[in-house]
Protein backbone atom coordinates (compact mmCIF):
# COMPACT_ATOMS: atom_id res chain seq x y z
CA MET A 1 81.01 92.14 103.14
CA SER A 2 79.38 94.15 105.92
CA PHE A 3 82.23 96.82 105.46
CA SER A 4 81.55 97.19 101.74
CA VAL A 5 77.74 97.52 102.39
CA ASN A 6 78.40 100.16 105.04
CA LEU A 7 80.83 101.99 102.73
CA LYS A 8 78.10 101.99 99.97
CA ARG A 9 75.56 103.30 102.37
CA MET A 10 77.88 106.07 103.40
CA LYS A 11 78.57 107.02 99.80
CA ASN A 12 74.86 107.17 99.11
CA LYS A 13 74.29 109.44 102.11
CA ILE A 14 77.01 111.64 101.03
CA LYS A 15 75.61 111.99 97.56
CA MET A 16 72.16 112.83 98.97
CA ARG A 17 73.63 115.51 101.15
CA ILE A 18 75.45 116.95 98.13
CA SER A 19 72.17 116.98 96.15
CA PHE A 20 70.36 118.59 99.04
CA LEU A 21 72.95 121.31 99.24
CA TYR A 22 72.76 121.92 95.51
CA ILE A 23 69.00 122.38 95.82
CA ILE A 24 69.30 124.94 98.68
CA VAL A 25 71.79 127.04 96.65
CA SER A 26 69.58 126.83 93.56
CA LEU A 27 66.51 127.98 95.61
CA LEU A 28 68.62 130.94 96.97
CA SER A 29 69.66 131.88 93.48
CA ILE A 30 65.98 131.78 92.35
CA THR A 31 64.94 133.92 95.32
CA PHE A 32 67.63 136.54 94.63
CA LEU A 33 66.58 136.69 91.03
CA SER A 34 62.99 137.13 91.76
CA ALA A 35 63.81 139.96 94.18
CA GLN A 36 65.87 141.75 91.53
CA GLU A 37 63.38 141.48 88.61
CA SER A 38 61.26 144.30 90.16
CA VAL A 39 64.13 146.74 90.48
CA ASP A 40 65.26 149.42 88.05
CA ARG A 41 67.72 147.82 85.42
CA ASN A 42 69.48 150.95 84.19
CA VAL A 43 73.07 149.65 84.40
CA THR A 44 75.91 150.19 82.08
CA ILE A 45 77.83 147.03 81.42
CA GLU A 46 81.53 147.28 80.90
CA ARG A 47 83.64 144.15 80.43
CA GLU A 48 87.39 144.66 79.93
CA TYR A 49 88.32 143.02 76.64
CA GLN A 50 92.05 142.22 76.48
CA PRO A 51 92.66 139.70 73.69
CA VAL A 52 96.18 139.16 74.93
CA ILE A 53 98.73 136.47 73.92
CA GLN A 54 101.16 136.77 76.84
CA ASP A 55 104.78 137.24 75.85
CA ALA A 56 107.71 134.92 75.58
CA GLY A 57 106.36 131.37 75.40
CA LYS A 58 108.58 128.32 75.20
CA ILE A 59 107.76 124.75 74.36
CA MET A 60 108.11 123.52 77.89
CA THR A 61 106.56 126.51 79.66
CA LEU A 62 103.34 124.92 80.92
CA PRO A 63 99.85 126.16 80.10
CA GLU A 64 97.42 127.56 82.67
CA ILE A 65 94.57 125.48 83.87
CA ILE A 66 91.32 126.14 82.20
CA GLN A 67 89.23 127.85 84.84
CA HIS A 68 86.15 130.08 84.92
CA ASN A 69 86.62 133.60 86.04
CA THR A 70 84.37 134.05 89.12
CA ARG A 71 86.63 136.14 91.25
CA LYS A 72 85.02 137.99 94.03
CA GLU A 73 85.08 141.81 93.74
CA ALA A 74 87.44 143.22 96.25
CA VAL A 75 87.78 146.77 97.62
CA ASP A 76 90.46 148.61 95.59
CA TYR A 77 92.56 150.14 98.36
CA SER A 78 95.42 150.75 96.07
CA GLU A 79 97.16 149.28 93.12
CA ILE A 80 98.24 146.15 95.08
CA TYR A 81 96.99 145.31 98.52
CA GLN A 82 98.74 142.02 98.92
CA PRO A 83 102.45 140.96 98.41
CA LEU A 84 103.17 140.77 94.77
CA PRO A 85 102.95 137.18 93.49
CA PHE A 86 105.77 136.20 91.24
CA GLN A 87 103.95 134.85 88.12
CA LYS A 88 105.52 135.15 84.73
CA ASN A 89 102.21 134.22 82.98
CA ILE A 90 104.00 132.62 80.01
CA LEU A 91 101.93 130.60 77.67
CA THR A 92 103.37 128.06 75.25
CA LEU A 93 104.59 129.44 71.93
CA SER A 94 103.01 132.90 72.43
CA ALA A 95 103.24 135.64 69.86
CA GLU A 96 102.79 139.13 71.18
CA GLU A 97 100.89 141.22 73.61
CA GLU A 98 98.41 143.75 72.26
CA GLN A 99 95.92 145.63 74.35
CA HIS A 100 92.45 146.21 72.77
CA ASP A 101 91.52 149.41 74.70
CA ARG A 102 87.84 149.99 74.88
CA ARG A 103 88.39 153.80 75.35
CA LYS A 104 90.03 153.87 71.95
CA LYS A 105 86.94 151.97 70.54
CA MET A 106 89.01 148.97 69.23
CA LYS A 107 86.86 146.27 67.75
CA GLU A 108 86.37 143.45 70.29
CA ALA A 109 85.97 140.48 68.05
CA PHE A 110 89.12 139.19 66.27
CA ILE A 111 90.83 136.12 64.84
CA ARG A 112 94.56 135.65 64.98
CA LEU A 113 96.78 133.02 63.31
CA GLY A 114 100.48 132.33 63.36
CA GLY A 115 103.16 129.87 62.54
CA GLY A 116 106.88 129.25 62.90
CA ASN A 117 109.74 126.83 62.97
CA TYR A 118 109.45 123.41 64.78
CA TRP A 119 105.89 123.41 63.28
CA ASN A 120 104.86 125.89 65.89
CA THR A 121 101.24 127.02 65.47
CA LEU A 122 98.99 129.56 67.12
CA GLY A 123 95.23 130.44 66.77
CA ASP A 124 92.80 132.68 68.56
CA LEU A 125 89.13 133.59 68.16
CA VAL A 126 87.34 136.04 70.47
CA LEU A 127 83.71 136.67 69.55
CA PRO A 128 81.12 138.66 71.65
CA ILE A 129 77.94 136.93 70.55
CA ILE A 130 75.52 139.03 72.65
CA LYS A 131 76.29 142.44 74.10
CA ASN A 132 73.58 144.82 75.31
CA ASP A 133 72.74 146.76 78.47
CA LYS A 134 71.86 143.62 80.39
CA ASN A 135 73.51 140.64 78.67
CA LEU A 136 76.99 139.49 77.73
CA LEU A 137 77.68 136.22 75.90
CA ASP A 138 81.29 135.72 74.81
CA LEU A 139 83.03 132.84 72.96
CA ASN A 140 86.74 132.41 73.25
CA ILE A 141 88.68 129.69 71.36
CA SER A 142 92.58 129.42 71.45
CA HIS A 143 95.27 127.02 70.30
CA THR A 144 98.99 126.90 70.65
CA GLY A 145 101.15 123.90 69.62
CA THR A 146 104.42 122.57 68.46
CA PHE A 147 104.61 119.40 66.47
CA GLY A 148 108.27 118.63 66.26
CA LYS A 149 110.28 116.17 68.35
CA LYS A 150 109.14 118.00 71.48
CA LEU A 151 105.52 117.78 71.03
CA GLN A 152 102.83 119.76 72.89
CA SER A 153 99.52 121.06 71.72
CA VAL A 154 96.88 122.85 73.93
CA SER A 155 93.41 123.96 72.64
CA ARG A 156 90.69 125.65 74.74
CA ALA A 157 87.19 126.84 74.24
CA ASN A 158 85.14 128.87 76.71
CA LEU A 159 81.55 130.22 76.56
CA GLU A 160 80.67 132.86 79.29
CA TYR A 161 77.31 134.55 79.95
CA ASN A 162 76.45 137.36 82.28
CA HIS A 163 73.13 138.98 83.09
CA TYR A 164 73.24 142.15 85.07
CA PHE A 165 70.62 143.31 87.60
CA THR A 166 70.83 146.52 89.62
CA ASN A 167 72.75 145.02 92.44
CA TYR A 168 73.38 141.40 91.38
CA ASP A 169 75.10 139.65 88.51
CA LEU A 170 73.95 136.27 87.29
CA TYR A 171 76.81 134.36 85.53
CA ALA A 172 77.30 131.01 83.97
CA GLY A 173 79.69 129.27 81.67
CA VAL A 174 81.05 126.20 80.14
CA GLY A 175 84.54 125.30 78.99
CA LEU A 176 86.82 122.51 77.73
CA SER A 177 90.44 122.02 77.10
CA HIS A 178 92.52 119.48 75.24
CA GLN A 179 96.16 118.89 75.64
CA TYR A 180 98.47 116.55 73.80
CA PHE A 181 102.13 115.98 74.54
CA ASN A 182 104.90 113.40 74.45
CA TYR A 183 107.38 112.08 77.00
CA TYR A 184 110.60 113.14 75.24
CA GLY A 185 112.72 113.60 78.36
CA LYS A 186 115.71 111.59 79.18
CA ASN A 187 115.90 108.41 81.29
CA PHE A 188 118.90 107.91 83.79
CA TYR A 189 120.62 105.06 85.37
CA GLY A 190 123.07 104.37 88.11
CA ASN A 191 124.12 106.82 90.84
CA GLY A 192 125.95 109.05 88.31
CA GLY A 193 122.86 110.28 86.60
CA ASP A 194 123.98 109.09 83.00
CA SER A 195 121.30 109.19 80.51
CA VAL A 196 120.09 106.04 78.75
CA GLY A 197 117.64 105.07 76.04
CA LEU A 198 115.54 102.22 77.26
CA ASN A 199 114.86 100.88 73.74
CA GLY A 200 118.56 101.07 72.85
CA LEU A 201 119.59 99.27 75.92
CA PHE A 202 117.20 96.47 75.06
CA SER A 203 118.34 96.19 71.52
CA LEU A 204 121.94 95.85 72.71
CA SER A 205 121.03 93.00 74.98
CA PRO A 206 117.63 91.40 74.29
CA ALA A 207 118.29 89.02 77.25
CA PHE A 208 118.23 92.11 79.49
CA LEU A 209 114.86 91.60 81.13
CA PRO A 210 115.24 92.09 84.91
CA ASP A 211 112.47 92.84 87.30
CA TYR A 212 112.25 96.38 88.93
CA GLN A 213 110.54 97.57 92.07
CA GLU A 214 109.17 101.06 92.62
CA GLN A 215 110.97 103.27 95.11
CA ASN A 216 109.92 106.18 97.25
CA LEU A 217 106.31 105.42 96.80
CA ALA A 218 104.31 107.76 98.94
CA ARG A 219 100.86 106.52 98.10
CA PHE A 220 97.54 106.31 99.89
CA THR A 221 96.13 102.85 99.11
CA ARG A 222 98.05 100.76 96.70
CA SER A 223 101.16 98.64 97.46
CA VAL A 224 104.59 98.96 95.81
CA GLN A 225 104.51 97.24 92.37
CA THR A 226 107.25 95.21 90.62
CA VAL A 227 107.46 95.51 86.91
CA ASN A 228 109.59 93.84 84.28
CA PHE A 229 112.04 95.82 82.14
CA SER A 230 109.82 95.18 79.04
CA ASP A 231 107.01 96.88 80.90
CA LEU A 232 109.09 100.03 81.45
CA ILE A 233 110.02 99.91 77.60
CA GLY A 234 106.29 99.64 76.87
CA LEU A 235 105.17 102.76 78.87
CA PRO A 236 103.11 105.04 76.58
CA VAL A 237 105.13 107.61 74.76
CA ASN A 238 102.46 110.30 74.86
CA ASP A 239 99.31 111.33 76.80
CA MET A 240 96.17 113.21 76.19
CA LEU A 241 94.52 115.38 78.78
CA TRP A 242 90.80 116.51 78.79
CA ARG A 243 89.37 119.24 81.09
CA TYR A 244 85.74 120.14 81.26
CA ASN A 245 83.99 122.70 83.39
CA ALA A 246 80.62 124.28 83.98
CA HIS A 247 79.58 126.79 86.47
CA ALA A 248 76.62 129.05 87.49
CA GLY A 249 76.14 131.54 90.22
CA ILE A 250 74.90 134.85 91.53
CA ARG A 251 76.92 137.60 93.27
CA SER A 252 76.48 141.14 94.47
CA LEU A 253 77.86 143.89 92.20
CA PRO A 254 80.47 146.30 93.65
CA ASN A 255 77.91 149.06 93.76
CA ALA A 256 75.58 147.00 96.05
CA GLU A 257 74.95 148.30 99.46
CA GLY A 258 73.90 146.59 102.70
CA ARG A 259 74.01 142.82 102.61
CA LYS A 260 76.19 141.18 99.98
CA TYR A 261 76.00 137.69 98.69
CA THR A 262 77.80 135.23 96.48
CA ALA A 263 76.56 131.76 95.57
CA GLU A 264 77.95 129.39 92.97
CA MET A 265 77.86 125.78 91.89
CA SER A 266 80.53 124.38 89.63
CA PHE A 267 81.72 121.13 88.11
CA ASP A 268 85.23 120.26 86.79
CA LEU A 269 86.27 117.04 85.14
CA PHE A 270 89.83 116.17 84.52
CA ARG A 271 90.76 113.00 82.49
CA SER A 272 94.13 111.52 81.55
CA ASN A 273 94.16 108.93 78.77
CA ILE A 274 96.66 106.83 80.63
CA GLY A 275 95.85 107.90 84.24
CA LEU A 276 93.01 108.62 86.62
CA GLN A 277 89.84 110.62 85.95
CA GLU A 278 88.95 113.23 88.55
CA SER A 279 85.48 114.91 89.08
CA GLU A 280 85.03 117.81 91.32
CA TYR A 281 81.63 119.17 92.49
CA LYS A 282 81.91 122.39 94.28
CA ILE A 283 79.43 124.65 96.18
CA LYS A 284 80.40 128.18 97.37
CA TYR A 285 78.31 130.62 99.40
CA GLY A 286 79.20 133.70 101.16
CA PHE A 287 77.66 136.77 102.64
CA SER A 288 78.70 140.02 104.47
CA ASN A 289 76.49 142.29 106.57
CA PRO A 290 76.98 145.91 107.67
CA LEU A 291 77.78 146.06 111.37
CA GLY A 292 77.97 149.69 112.35
CA ASN A 293 80.45 151.27 110.19
CA ASN A 294 82.17 147.91 109.52
CA ARG A 295 81.20 144.49 108.04
CA PHE A 296 81.00 140.92 109.25
CA GLY A 297 80.93 138.10 106.83
CA ILE A 298 81.36 134.32 106.32
CA ASP A 299 82.47 132.34 103.23
CA PHE A 300 81.68 128.59 102.95
CA GLU A 301 82.99 126.19 100.45
CA MET A 302 82.33 122.40 99.89
CA SER A 303 84.39 120.40 97.28
CA ASN A 304 83.50 116.83 96.55
CA PHE A 305 86.00 114.55 94.58
CA PHE A 306 85.38 111.33 92.81
CA TYR A 307 88.05 109.16 91.11
CA GLN A 308 87.79 106.57 88.35
CA HIS A 309 90.10 104.46 86.20
CA SER A 310 89.36 102.01 83.44
CA ASP A 311 91.30 99.51 85.43
CA THR A 312 90.10 99.75 89.01
CA SER A 313 93.12 97.96 90.37
CA LYS A 314 95.29 100.92 89.41
CA ILE A 315 93.37 103.49 91.52
CA ASN A 316 95.84 104.33 94.18
CA PHE A 317 93.48 106.86 95.87
CA TRP A 318 90.21 106.83 97.67
CA ASN A 319 87.30 106.77 95.26
CA TYR A 320 85.77 109.69 97.16
CA TYR A 321 86.76 112.37 99.54
CA ALA A 322 85.61 115.96 100.48
CA VAL A 323 86.92 119.20 101.91
CA PHE A 324 84.67 121.69 103.74
CA SER A 325 85.98 125.17 104.54
CA MET A 326 84.70 128.16 106.25
CA ASN A 327 86.09 131.72 106.80
CA PRO A 328 84.28 134.08 109.20
CA TYR A 329 85.84 137.59 109.16
CA TYR A 330 85.38 141.13 110.43
CA LEU A 331 86.30 144.00 108.06
CA ILE A 332 87.05 147.57 108.99
CA GLU A 333 87.24 149.92 106.04
CA ARG A 334 88.32 153.55 106.22
CA ASP A 335 89.47 156.02 103.54
CA ASN A 336 93.23 155.47 104.01
CA TRP A 337 93.39 152.02 105.80
CA TYR A 338 91.62 148.78 106.45
CA VAL A 339 91.96 145.73 108.66
CA ARG A 340 90.49 142.40 108.03
CA ALA A 341 90.50 139.87 110.96
CA GLY A 342 89.33 136.36 110.73
CA VAL A 343 89.92 132.59 110.80
CA LYS A 344 90.07 130.04 107.96
CA THR A 345 89.33 126.43 108.70
CA ALA A 346 89.34 123.42 106.38
CA PHE A 347 87.95 120.02 107.25
CA SER A 348 89.19 117.11 105.22
CA PHE A 349 86.85 113.96 105.17
CA VAL A 350 87.72 110.35 104.39
CA HIS A 351 91.50 110.96 104.52
CA GLY A 352 94.19 113.50 105.18
CA ARG A 353 94.40 116.03 108.11
CA PRO A 354 90.78 116.36 109.45
CA PHE A 355 91.16 119.85 110.80
CA ASN A 356 93.33 122.64 109.18
CA PRO A 357 92.89 126.01 110.89
CA THR A 358 94.76 129.17 109.83
CA PRO A 359 94.56 132.92 110.69
CA ASP A 360 93.21 135.41 108.31
CA ILE A 361 94.50 138.88 109.23
CA THR A 362 95.35 141.33 106.53
CA SER A 363 95.73 145.16 106.70
CA GLU A 364 97.07 148.24 104.70
CA TRP A 365 97.62 151.73 105.52
CA ASN A 366 98.04 154.54 103.03
CA VAL A 367 100.62 156.52 105.06
CA ILE A 368 100.82 159.23 102.40
CA PRO A 369 97.88 158.74 99.99
CA LYS A 370 99.06 158.05 96.33
CA VAL A 371 102.65 158.11 97.46
CA LEU A 372 103.39 155.53 100.20
CA SER A 373 101.49 152.67 101.70
CA ALA A 374 102.39 149.77 103.98
CA TYR A 375 100.73 146.36 104.16
CA GLY A 376 101.08 143.25 106.14
CA GLY A 377 99.20 140.16 107.41
CA LEU A 378 99.19 136.88 109.19
CA THR A 379 97.38 134.30 107.09
CA GLY A 380 97.65 130.61 106.05
CA ASN A 381 96.33 128.20 103.52
CA PHE A 382 95.00 124.72 102.87
CA ARG A 383 95.66 123.86 99.27
CA ILE A 384 93.82 120.97 97.57
CA SER A 385 96.26 119.30 95.15
CA THR A 386 93.79 118.44 92.48
CA MET A 387 94.95 116.40 89.60
CA ASN A 388 93.84 119.23 87.40
CA SER A 389 96.24 121.72 89.16
CA ILE A 390 99.12 119.28 89.54
CA TYR A 391 98.98 118.21 85.81
CA ALA A 392 99.10 121.84 84.86
CA GLU A 393 102.11 122.30 87.00
CA ASN A 394 103.97 119.26 85.74
CA PRO A 395 102.23 117.09 82.98
CA TYR A 396 105.07 114.55 83.10
CA ILE A 397 104.09 113.10 86.46
CA PHE A 398 103.49 109.30 86.74
CA PRO A 399 99.91 108.70 85.57
CA ASP A 400 98.45 107.30 88.80
CA LEU A 401 99.99 109.95 91.16
CA ARG A 402 97.73 111.78 93.42
CA VAL A 403 99.64 114.42 95.28
CA LYS A 404 98.91 115.12 98.97
CA ASP A 405 97.06 118.25 99.93
CA THR A 406 99.39 121.05 101.33
CA TYR A 407 98.74 122.76 104.61
CA THR A 408 100.38 126.12 105.55
CA PRO A 409 99.44 126.82 109.14
CA PHE A 410 100.80 130.26 109.02
CA ASN A 411 102.13 132.83 106.48
CA THR A 412 103.28 136.19 107.72
CA TYR A 413 104.33 139.13 105.48
CA PHE A 414 105.05 142.83 105.44
CA GLY A 415 105.74 145.22 102.65
CA PHE A 416 105.33 148.76 101.32
CA LYS A 417 104.60 150.52 98.01
CA LEU A 418 106.25 153.79 97.11
CA LYS A 419 105.47 156.19 94.20
CA PRO A 420 108.21 158.79 94.47
CA VAL A 421 106.97 160.30 91.22
CA TYR A 422 103.79 159.65 89.23
CA ASN A 423 105.32 157.21 86.69
CA ILE A 424 107.47 155.11 88.95
CA MET A 425 106.38 152.55 91.50
CA VAL A 426 108.31 150.39 93.96
CA ASP A 427 106.68 147.43 95.67
CA ALA A 428 108.96 145.46 98.11
CA PHE A 429 107.99 142.81 100.69
CA VAL A 430 109.35 140.04 102.99
CA ASP A 431 107.37 136.86 103.47
CA TYR A 432 107.77 133.75 105.70
CA ARG A 433 105.62 130.71 105.65
CA TYR A 434 105.68 127.13 107.23
CA ILE A 435 104.44 124.41 105.07
CA VAL A 436 103.22 120.92 106.00
CA ASP A 437 103.59 118.22 103.32
CA GLN A 438 105.36 120.48 100.86
CA TYR A 439 105.76 118.27 97.65
CA PHE A 440 108.82 118.14 95.38
CA PHE A 441 108.96 116.42 91.96
CA VAL A 442 111.69 113.80 91.50
CA ASN A 443 112.32 111.41 88.70
CA LYS A 444 110.52 108.19 89.36
CA GLU A 445 112.97 105.53 90.51
CA TYR A 446 113.05 101.70 89.95
CA LEU A 447 115.51 99.34 91.69
CA SER A 448 116.37 95.73 90.55
CA THR A 449 118.23 93.14 92.66
CA ASP A 450 118.62 91.01 89.59
CA ALA A 451 122.30 90.39 88.99
CA SER A 452 121.83 90.76 85.26
CA ALA A 453 120.87 94.35 85.67
CA GLY A 454 124.47 95.26 86.52
CA ALA A 455 125.08 99.00 86.22
CA TYR A 456 121.41 99.46 85.39
CA SER A 457 120.14 98.23 88.73
CA ASN A 458 118.87 101.74 89.35
CA LEU A 459 116.69 103.32 86.63
CA PHE A 460 115.14 106.86 86.82
CA ILE A 461 112.52 107.23 84.11
CA ASN A 462 111.18 110.44 82.54
CA ARG A 463 108.05 110.37 84.66
CA PHE A 464 107.93 112.21 87.96
CA ASN A 465 107.06 111.06 91.49
CA ALA A 466 106.30 113.34 94.46
CA ILE A 467 108.14 113.26 97.77
CA TYR A 468 107.16 115.31 100.81
CA SER A 469 108.73 117.27 103.69
CA ASP A 470 107.69 119.91 106.04
CA ALA A 471 109.51 123.09 105.04
CA GLY A 472 110.01 126.73 105.87
CA LEU A 473 110.19 129.44 103.07
CA PHE A 474 111.55 132.92 103.49
CA LYS A 475 111.05 135.20 100.56
CA VAL A 476 112.25 138.74 99.77
CA GLY A 477 110.72 140.34 96.72
CA THR A 478 110.46 143.57 94.86
CA ARG A 479 108.95 145.09 91.79
CA LEU A 480 109.98 148.29 90.00
CA ASN A 481 107.71 149.79 87.39
CA TYR A 482 108.34 152.65 85.12
CA ASN A 483 105.76 154.09 82.66
CA TYR A 484 106.27 157.20 80.46
CA LYS A 485 102.96 158.39 78.87
CA ASP A 486 102.01 154.82 77.92
CA ILE A 487 104.76 154.94 75.32
CA VAL A 488 107.54 153.23 77.32
CA ASN A 489 106.76 150.71 80.05
CA ILE A 490 109.40 148.80 81.92
CA GLN A 491 109.01 146.34 84.76
CA LEU A 492 111.58 144.41 86.86
CA LYS A 493 110.52 141.72 89.25
CA GLY A 494 112.63 139.67 91.39
CA ILE A 495 112.34 137.27 94.43
CA TYR A 496 114.89 135.46 96.62
CA ASN A 497 113.67 132.11 98.04
CA ALA A 498 115.38 130.70 101.09
CA TRP A 499 114.09 127.14 101.64
CA ASN A 500 114.60 125.18 104.83
CA VAL A 501 113.52 121.67 104.07
CA LYS A 502 113.22 119.44 107.05
CA THR A 503 113.96 116.00 105.76
CA GLU A 504 115.61 116.79 102.25
CA LEU A 505 119.02 118.16 101.24
CA HIS A 506 117.43 120.69 98.82
CA ALA A 507 114.18 122.10 97.67
CA TRP A 508 114.21 119.87 94.61
CA MET A 509 113.90 121.70 91.25
CA LYS A 510 112.94 124.99 92.99
CA PRO A 511 115.15 128.00 92.34
CA ALA A 512 116.65 130.37 94.95
CA ILE A 513 116.47 133.46 92.70
CA GLU A 514 113.77 134.45 90.27
CA ALA A 515 113.75 137.44 88.18
CA ASP A 516 112.28 138.88 85.00
CA LEU A 517 112.52 142.07 83.04
CA SER A 518 109.94 143.22 80.54
CA ALA A 519 109.61 146.24 78.45
CA ASP A 520 107.38 147.47 75.60
CA VAL A 521 107.95 150.64 73.50
CA LYS A 522 105.46 152.17 71.12
CA ILE A 523 107.30 153.52 68.05
CA GLY A 524 104.92 155.82 66.36
CA ARG A 525 101.11 155.07 66.31
CA LYS A 526 101.44 151.62 64.51
CA LEU A 527 104.62 149.86 65.66
CA THR A 528 105.03 148.31 69.18
CA THR A 529 108.13 146.46 70.15
CA THR A 530 108.55 144.20 73.21
CA ALA A 531 111.39 142.49 75.13
CA MET A 532 111.31 140.07 77.91
CA VAL A 533 114.08 138.41 79.75
CA PHE A 534 113.58 135.53 82.37
CA PHE A 535 116.13 134.26 84.87
CA GLU A 536 115.94 131.61 87.45
CA GLY A 537 119.05 130.59 89.41
CA GLU A 538 120.50 127.05 89.78
CA ARG A 539 118.29 124.31 90.96
CA TYR A 540 118.94 120.70 92.02
CA ALA A 541 117.36 117.46 90.97
CA LYS A 542 117.33 114.29 92.96
CA LEU A 543 118.19 110.84 91.50
CA GLY A 544 118.20 108.34 94.39
CA ASP A 545 120.16 109.90 97.23
CA ASN A 546 122.22 112.14 95.00
CA PRO A 547 121.72 115.80 94.04
CA PHE A 548 122.40 117.02 90.47
CA ARG A 549 122.83 120.56 89.64
CA MET A 550 120.52 121.99 86.93
CA SER A 551 121.75 124.98 84.93
CA PRO A 552 120.13 128.34 85.49
CA LYS A 553 117.31 129.41 83.21
CA ILE A 554 118.18 132.39 81.12
CA ASP A 555 115.69 133.25 78.42
CA VAL A 556 115.65 136.35 76.11
CA ASN A 557 112.66 137.16 73.91
CA LEU A 558 111.81 139.85 71.38
CA GLY A 559 108.74 140.77 69.60
CA ALA A 560 106.97 143.42 67.45
CA THR A 561 103.43 144.25 66.34
CA TYR A 562 102.49 146.45 63.41
CA THR A 563 98.97 147.76 63.22
CA PHE A 564 97.88 148.67 59.63
CA ASN A 565 94.53 149.97 60.67
CA ARG A 566 91.68 149.09 63.01
CA THR A 567 91.10 145.78 61.04
CA PHE A 568 94.59 144.39 60.36
CA SER A 569 97.79 143.85 62.30
CA ALA A 570 100.75 141.63 61.99
CA PHE A 571 103.28 140.31 64.55
CA ALA A 572 106.62 138.68 64.79
CA LYS A 573 108.16 136.97 67.76
CA LEU A 574 111.59 135.56 68.43
CA ASN A 575 111.82 133.29 71.48
CA ASN A 576 114.87 132.03 73.36
CA LEU A 577 117.16 134.31 71.39
CA ILE A 578 120.37 133.05 72.96
CA ASN A 579 119.35 129.42 72.35
CA SER A 580 119.59 128.53 75.96
CA LYS A 581 119.48 124.75 76.76
CA TYR A 582 118.00 124.89 80.29
CA GLU A 583 115.71 122.21 81.54
CA GLN A 584 112.17 122.85 82.77
CA PHE A 585 112.21 119.56 84.56
CA TYR A 586 115.11 117.28 84.98
CA GLY A 587 115.68 115.58 81.65
CA TYR A 588 113.32 117.89 79.69
CA GLU A 589 115.24 120.42 77.68
CA VAL A 590 113.35 123.33 76.37
CA GLN A 591 112.84 124.27 72.73
CA GLY A 592 115.81 126.20 71.29
CA ILE A 593 115.69 129.50 69.42
CA ASN A 594 112.28 129.68 67.59
CA PHE A 595 110.18 132.23 65.87
CA LEU A 596 106.45 132.89 65.16
CA LEU A 597 105.03 135.00 62.56
CA GLY A 598 101.25 135.92 62.01
CA GLY A 599 98.44 138.34 61.78
CA ALA A 600 95.13 139.35 63.20
CA VAL A 601 91.84 140.53 61.84
CA ALA A 602 89.41 142.53 63.91
CA PHE A 603 85.84 142.62 63.04
């Protein structure tokens, strides 16, 4: 009894401290606003409008997390001042990519609709509600979905507001996302990885009702559960995810001189209909001051997480925990080079690693300005594995899974960027990092000691568990880009990943080779054609103690957009042209060849 009372007191104290911090940040924001009201307001507002539906979507290519865009402004030393991340930016069932260039005075509000086979659907609405010298208010609504056997539907809505002062920007926004999908993947049994339909197995032998026990359970609080076969059959066949966010903050504009600030409060709520609910309250504050010809700054961040479930006995994680991070740094900036030297530290409360320090050293030198630059760094990272981010990475995880946070004590890299001629760029880098508690997804395993189970004593269902191991990752990557007068644009990206996993045979379901080739060609003033090819080398899945080879991903996609005038346009998209049968996750085969046709109206 005394323990529960003390725990309750501790939670109340934590909540009071959180409220106190929010009040402080709010007062700071009000102070900054009051100071700026008396300053000249003649500022030209330019917001880049790119109503883009990224190319080459597939049914099982997962959607991005709904997040607000509060990225800090960074000094633009060159085109890229960090190693190129390998991100394909594929959205489910996408249509085409069309830049609405402000310089060409394209209309910024538009609605787009499309449909195709497998009951594929697409819809977009972008609407600038307010746009003047000081204020921007934008509404963005989007939907993509497929309603066949492989079901997935994602709908989003965001409302963003900005008010500009001379040196500061006040911003706020709210957003929500709804995702609906089904567990259509295969179940497996035995050590051979043969697929089995659980309902079909029960119909063949109604007396087949053995008990099964969870395996490889890496959980924080709850014990291993034993379930009956009928319970496995009765698992929900679909799930519905809800995401909500709200944020408000103030930050220095790029043209600000002297002391620079950023302060933000945000709230994110993630809820699974059959799993946990996660609420995140975050406070961020940072500043940098001139120090001679250089700058000194510190960034702070405090994240507070609360977890709930309609059935409290199913919560397998602490009801509350928090992570506090700070990043002091010293920045030297010159015309053709810069060095940033600092330290990042993350403190995890209630559970996990309490102290997670990493270096923060990055630099770049323009050896020959506009022709050759070299960059490098020694950094690290502490990544909070929120349910929001993990479900976006793999929605087919077991509903009560809360993945451990990942700690990268060091990450060193070096690279160069070369522009031998004005329309060709080469970016190449090498990267090595050591990761503590790297997680890998594996099909959730159940084991029965009941003699009646026979060959089905091992079952691997179409939900995924996470297993962990410390690992080293060596990466070599490059990007080649060619652009001819904005008429032809071709880009090739590739990465080789060499994993060294300490306690596992393979880096499960992670490829050694990743590559993509994209091209778009403007044919005349009205017609634009696109082509995208994705490749990922073979991967391995784990069932029990056995590895199973997964086929490489090869995906070819074509598209075209025809613009009739400034108001009307039409598009066509052909995805998975070679009808590749690769799996996004083990047991989950992607949608075959599919098309999408539609049009857009700008107003």
